[in-house]
Amino acid sequence: MFKMKVSVLMLALFLCSPLIKCEDGLQLQMSALNNRLQQLEKIVFMQNDRIINLEKSNEHLKNIILEKSEKMDDLENIAKKLQAQAILPVADKDVDITIEESNTSRHLVGKRSGIVNMHGSGNLDKREHINRQDRLLSPRPTTAPNAVAFYAVMSRSLTNPGDQHTFIFDEVKVNAGNGYHPHSGIFIAPSTGIYVFTWSMRLIGNEHHSAQLMIDGKEHGAVYLAVGGDSNNDNVSGTGVAFLNQGDDAFIRTSTINLGGIESDIWGYTSFGGWLIK
């Protein structure tokens, strides 16, 4: 009887040994996969930080190039104006003149020409000609050198974006100051100041989402919208004011309360915009 019990016990150990070894092998494989996954996550985070740093450096270089370009434009306008004044004919004399008036006539006094009499309608014609030339030589209004403003929309809808998903507003309408980056959906402040941000989100059918305004990695504002039924179609918008230092970033993302897609088309766009006010 004792020998039979020993035989049964040995048989049980023999049958269970492969199962134990198999379970140990699976645990080792799971541990190795978890370690590999953690390494990949660290690599992704490092690459994201590197991309953000490169974008900030690129933005600084763009601002320097823009400033130099504006100075070159100003110098070119001055040179053109001086050149035009040098060739304007006024009685074959200089255009740099002053006007002397009397009861009977007006005189144009040039630097080298002495006095040139101008009577009757010819006097008005020449003065109008000079004024017209001054208007043509004056630089046309352009965007202010320090203006910062952007507005962009999503060119297509999102399908189930998930939690903490950054919106990519890839269709740019305005980007004065080049602070908005359409490939990442992130705005990087080109200068320090107070900024206004506005964003909108459109939903259809049985969907609900919360869209957050993130400033330098922290939530600064949020909007929420829930719709129900296939015929429902609605949108929500938000506005926020924030102080940003040069290089700080702002973007829109989903929160952890999400269901369904986010719509953006000709019937109503999901959008993001902002501008510097001081």
Protein backbone atom coordinates (compact mmCIF):
# COMPACT_ATOMS: atom_id res chain seq x y z
CA MET A 1 0.00 0.00 0.00
CA PHE A 2 2.83 2.37 0.89
CA LYS A 3 4.61 1.64 -2.38
CA MET A 4 1.41 2.46 -4.30
CA LYS A 5 1.11 5.86 -2.62
CA VAL A 6 4.75 6.64 -3.40
CA SER A 7 4.19 5.67 -7.03
CA VAL A 8 1.14 7.89 -7.32
CA LEU A 9 2.99 10.82 -5.78
CA MET A 10 5.91 10.43 -8.16
CA LEU A 11 3.53 10.19 -11.10
CA ALA A 12 1.83 13.44 -10.05
CA LEU A 13 5.15 15.23 -9.73
CA PHE A 14 6.18 13.97 -13.15
CA LEU A 15 2.99 15.28 -14.78
CA CYS A 16 3.07 18.70 -13.06
CA SER A 17 6.73 19.45 -13.70
CA PRO A 18 6.24 20.52 -17.39
CA LEU A 19 3.30 22.74 -16.41
CA ILE A 20 5.37 24.51 -13.76
CA LYS A 21 8.22 25.02 -16.18
CA CYS A 22 5.80 26.38 -18.83
CA GLU A 23 4.27 28.86 -16.37
CA ASP A 24 7.74 30.05 -15.33
CA GLY A 25 8.65 30.56 -18.97
CA LEU A 26 5.52 32.62 -19.64
CA GLN A 27 6.23 34.81 -16.63
CA LEU A 28 9.78 35.44 -17.87
CA GLN A 29 8.46 36.37 -21.32
CA MET A 30 5.86 38.74 -19.82
CA SER A 31 8.52 40.39 -17.68
CA ALA A 32 10.78 40.85 -20.70
CA LEU A 33 7.92 42.34 -22.74
CA ASN A 34 7.03 44.77 -19.93
CA ASN A 35 10.65 45.90 -19.68
CA ARG A 36 10.80 46.42 -23.44
CA LEU A 37 7.55 48.39 -23.37
CA GLN A 38 8.88 50.68 -20.62
CA GLN A 39 12.06 51.28 -22.63
CA LEU A 40 10.03 52.18 -25.72
CA GLU A 41 7.86 54.61 -23.71
CA LYS A 42 10.99 56.33 -22.39
CA ILE A 43 12.34 56.64 -25.94
CA VAL A 44 9.04 58.16 -27.14
CA PHE A 45 9.01 60.73 -24.30
CA MET A 46 12.63 61.67 -25.02
CA GLN A 47 11.87 62.11 -28.73
CA ASN A 48 8.86 64.31 -27.92
CA ASP A 49 10.98 66.53 -25.68
CA ARG A 50 13.61 66.76 -28.41
CA ILE A 51 10.99 67.76 -31.01
CA ILE A 52 9.62 70.50 -28.72
CA ASN A 53 13.14 71.86 -28.07
CA LEU A 54 13.90 71.88 -31.80
CA GLU A 55 10.66 73.72 -32.52
CA LYS A 56 11.51 76.37 -29.93
CA SER A 57 14.98 76.85 -31.42
CA ASN A 58 13.51 77.04 -34.92
CA GLU A 59 10.99 79.65 -33.76
CA HIS A 60 13.79 81.82 -32.33
CA LEU A 61 15.70 81.67 -35.61
CA LYS A 62 12.55 82.52 -37.58
CA ASN A 63 12.00 85.62 -35.43
CA ILE A 64 15.57 86.79 -36.07
CA ILE A 65 15.18 86.26 -39.85
CA LEU A 66 11.83 88.10 -39.82
CA GLU A 67 13.30 91.05 -37.96
CA LYS A 68 16.23 91.31 -40.39
CA SER A 69 13.87 91.04 -43.37
CA GLU A 70 11.69 93.89 -42.07
CA LYS A 71 14.74 96.11 -41.60
CA MET A 72 15.82 95.36 -45.17
CA ASP A 73 12.35 96.29 -46.45
CA ASP A 74 12.47 99.61 -44.59
CA LEU A 75 15.88 100.44 -46.05
CA GLU A 76 14.71 99.56 -49.56
CA ASN A 77 11.67 101.83 -49.21
CA ILE A 78 13.86 104.71 -48.04
CA ALA A 79 16.28 104.18 -50.94
CA LYS A 80 13.42 104.13 -53.49
CA LYS A 81 11.94 107.33 -52.06
CA LEU A 82 15.27 109.14 -52.18
CA GLN A 83 15.90 107.97 -55.72
CA ALA A 84 12.47 109.14 -56.91
CA GLN A 85 12.91 112.55 -55.27
CA ALA A 86 16.28 112.94 -56.94
CA ILE A 87 14.79 112.57 -60.45
CA LEU A 88 11.49 114.49 -60.04
CA PRO A 89 11.60 117.51 -62.42
CA VAL A 90 10.46 120.85 -61.04
CA ALA A 91 11.59 123.52 -63.53
CA ASP A 92 14.84 121.47 -63.98
CA LYS A 93 15.70 122.15 -60.32
CA ASP A 94 15.64 120.31 -56.98
CA VAL A 95 12.43 118.87 -55.56
CA ASP A 96 13.40 119.71 -51.98
CA ILE A 97 11.39 122.93 -51.87
CA THR A 98 9.52 125.30 -49.61
CA ILE A 99 6.49 127.39 -50.57
CA GLU A 100 6.43 131.16 -50.20
CA GLU A 101 3.05 132.86 -50.54
CA SER A 102 2.13 136.44 -51.33
CA ASN A 103 -1.08 138.21 -52.31
CA THR A 104 -0.41 137.86 -56.02
CA SER A 105 1.58 134.69 -56.52
CA ARG A 106 3.22 131.67 -54.90
CA HIS A 107 6.90 130.81 -55.22
CA LEU A 108 8.79 127.54 -54.92
CA VAL A 109 12.26 128.06 -53.46
CA GLY A 110 14.80 125.36 -54.33
CA LYS A 111 18.17 124.64 -52.81
CA ARG A 112 20.09 125.79 -55.87
CA SER A 113 17.48 127.32 -58.14
CA GLY A 114 16.60 130.52 -56.31
CA ILE A 115 12.88 131.31 -56.83
CA VAL A 116 10.60 129.68 -59.42
CA ASN A 117 7.36 131.56 -60.05
CA MET A 118 4.20 129.48 -60.37
CA HIS A 119 0.99 131.26 -61.45
CA GLY A 120 -2.57 130.26 -62.23
CA SER A 121 -3.69 126.66 -62.69
CA GLY A 122 -0.16 125.43 -63.43
CA ASN A 123 0.67 126.10 -59.77
CA LEU A 124 -2.02 123.71 -58.59
CA ASP A 125 -1.08 121.09 -61.18
CA LYS A 126 2.54 120.97 -60.00
CA ARG A 127 1.59 120.85 -56.34
CA GLU A 128 -0.87 118.02 -57.00
CA HIS A 129 1.84 116.17 -58.93
CA ILE A 130 4.26 116.47 -56.00
CA ASN A 131 1.65 115.36 -53.46
CA ARG A 132 0.73 112.39 -55.63
CA GLN A 133 4.37 111.36 -55.85
CA ASP A 134 4.68 111.58 -52.04
CA ARG A 135 1.68 109.32 -51.63
CA LEU A 136 3.08 106.78 -54.06
CA LEU A 137 6.45 106.78 -52.32
CA SER A 138 4.96 106.27 -48.85
CA PRO A 139 5.21 102.63 -47.73
CA ARG A 140 1.97 100.70 -47.81
CA PRO A 141 0.56 99.46 -44.48
CA THR A 142 1.77 95.97 -43.59
CA THR A 143 1.40 93.64 -40.64
CA ALA A 144 2.87 95.18 -37.50
CA PRO A 145 6.40 93.83 -36.85
CA ASN A 146 5.45 92.41 -33.46
CA ALA A 147 1.96 91.14 -34.37
CA VAL A 148 1.21 87.59 -33.20
CA ALA A 149 -2.06 85.93 -34.22
CA PHE A 150 -3.10 82.55 -35.57
CA TYR A 151 -6.24 80.65 -36.58
CA ALA A 152 -6.44 77.07 -37.82
CA VAL A 153 -9.07 74.36 -38.32
CA MET A 154 -9.10 70.58 -38.62
CA SER A 155 -9.47 69.68 -42.29
CA ARG A 156 -11.20 66.38 -41.45
CA SER A 157 -13.08 64.70 -38.62
CA LEU A 158 -11.51 62.50 -35.93
CA THR A 159 -12.72 58.95 -35.27
CA ASN A 160 -12.60 57.96 -31.58
CA PRO A 161 -9.55 60.10 -30.65
CA GLY A 162 -9.33 58.66 -27.12
CA ASP A 163 -8.08 60.24 -23.90
CA GLN A 164 -5.60 63.16 -23.81
CA HIS A 165 -5.36 63.25 -27.60
CA THR A 166 -3.80 66.46 -28.99
CA PHE A 167 -5.90 68.07 -31.72
CA ILE A 168 -4.02 68.66 -34.98
CA PHE A 169 -5.44 71.79 -36.67
CA ASP A 170 -3.68 71.23 -39.99
CA GLU A 171 -5.46 73.84 -42.15
CA VAL A 172 -3.93 77.21 -41.20
CA LYS A 173 -5.84 80.38 -42.07
CA VAL A 174 -3.65 82.98 -40.28
CA ASN A 175 -0.22 82.58 -38.67
CA ALA A 176 1.26 86.04 -38.05
CA GLY A 177 4.48 85.64 -36.11
CA ASN A 178 4.74 81.95 -37.14
CA GLY A 179 3.99 80.77 -33.61
CA TYR A 180 1.58 77.98 -34.59
CA HIS A 181 2.94 74.62 -35.81
CA PRO A 182 0.32 72.72 -37.85
CA HIS A 183 2.15 69.37 -37.89
CA SER A 184 1.99 69.09 -34.08
CA GLY A 185 -1.01 71.31 -33.25
CA ILE A 186 1.12 73.30 -30.78
CA PHE A 187 1.43 77.08 -30.52
CA ILE A 188 4.79 78.30 -29.16
CA ALA A 189 4.82 81.91 -27.98
CA PRO A 190 7.31 83.94 -30.07
CA SER A 191 7.30 86.72 -27.46
CA THR A 192 6.32 87.24 -23.83
CA GLY A 193 2.91 88.78 -23.15
CA ILE A 194 -0.79 88.30 -22.48
CA TYR A 195 -2.54 86.04 -25.01
CA VAL A 196 -6.17 85.29 -25.80
CA PHE A 197 -7.03 81.77 -26.98
CA THR A 198 -10.28 80.50 -28.46
CA TRP A 199 -11.25 76.99 -29.49
CA SER A 200 -14.37 75.19 -30.72
CA MET A 201 -15.53 71.58 -31.06
CA ARG A 202 -18.40 70.08 -33.09
CA LEU A 203 -20.18 66.77 -32.36
CA ILE A 204 -22.89 64.73 -34.11
CA GLY A 205 -25.14 61.90 -32.93
CA ASN A 206 -24.27 59.99 -29.74
CA GLU A 207 -20.97 61.65 -28.84
CA HIS A 208 -19.57 63.49 -25.84
CA HIS A 209 -16.14 65.03 -25.34
CA SER A 210 -14.26 67.49 -23.16
CA ALA A 211 -11.64 69.68 -24.88
CA GLN A 212 -8.91 71.19 -22.68
CA LEU A 213 -6.75 74.27 -23.27
CA MET A 214 -3.26 73.28 -22.12
CA ILE A 215 -0.71 75.99 -21.27
CA ASP A 216 2.85 74.77 -20.79
CA GLY A 217 1.63 71.28 -19.92
CA LYS A 218 -1.08 72.35 -17.45
CA GLU A 219 -4.85 72.61 -17.94
CA HIS A 220 -5.86 76.27 -18.26
CA GLY A 221 -9.46 75.87 -19.46
CA ALA A 222 -11.93 73.31 -20.74
CA VAL A 223 -15.30 72.92 -22.50
CA TYR A 224 -17.67 69.94 -22.53
CA LEU A 225 -20.38 68.89 -24.98
CA ALA A 226 -22.69 65.88 -25.10
CA VAL A 227 -25.17 65.14 -27.91
CA GLY A 228 -27.67 62.29 -28.23
CA GLY A 229 -29.54 60.92 -31.23
CA ASP A 230 -28.56 60.63 -34.88
CA SER A 231 -30.15 63.96 -35.79
CA ASN A 232 -28.35 65.98 -33.12
CA ASN A 233 -25.58 68.27 -34.33
CA ASP A 234 -24.05 70.86 -32.02
CA ASN A 235 -20.84 72.69 -31.20
CA VAL A 236 -19.23 74.32 -28.18
CA SER A 237 -16.53 76.98 -27.90
CA GLY A 238 -14.27 78.32 -25.19
CA THR A 239 -12.08 81.37 -24.58
CA GLY A 240 -9.12 81.75 -22.26
CA VAL A 241 -6.62 84.48 -21.38
CA ALA A 242 -3.11 83.57 -20.25
CA PHE A 243 0.30 85.10 -19.66
CA LEU A 244 2.99 83.29 -21.65
CA ASN A 245 6.72 83.71 -21.58
CA GLN A 246 8.61 83.39 -24.83
CA GLY A 247 8.87 79.70 -25.64
CA ASP A 248 5.82 78.60 -23.61
CA ASP A 249 3.39 76.39 -25.53
CA ALA A 250 -0.39 76.07 -25.83
CA PHE A 251 -2.52 73.35 -27.42
CA ILE A 252 -5.94 71.67 -27.29
CA ARG A 253 -6.49 68.05 -26.26
CA THR A 254 -9.24 65.70 -25.13
CA SER A 255 -9.61 64.93 -21.43
CA THR A 256 -10.51 61.55 -19.92
CA ILE A 257 -14.26 61.96 -20.61
CA ASN A 258 -14.74 60.92 -24.25
CA LEU A 259 -17.08 58.94 -26.47
CA GLY A 260 -17.24 58.81 -30.26
CA GLY A 261 -15.65 61.07 -32.85
CA ILE A 262 -15.10 64.81 -33.28
CA GLU A 263 -16.52 66.43 -36.40
CA SER A 264 -14.93 69.05 -38.65
CA ASP A 265 -16.12 69.82 -42.18
CA ILE A 266 -17.78 72.53 -44.27
CA TRP A 267 -20.91 72.30 -42.09
CA GLY A 268 -18.90 73.31 -39.03
CA TYR A 269 -15.20 73.23 -38.21
CA THR A 270 -13.39 72.31 -35.03
CA SER A 271 -10.93 75.20 -34.64
CA PHE A 272 -8.16 76.81 -32.57
CA GLY A 273 -6.98 80.43 -32.57
CA GLY A 274 -5.20 83.03 -30.50
CA TRP A 275 -3.50 86.40 -30.51
CA LEU A 276 -1.14 88.56 -28.46
CA ILE A 277 -2.82 91.57 -26.83
CA LYS A 278 0.14 93.00 -24.88
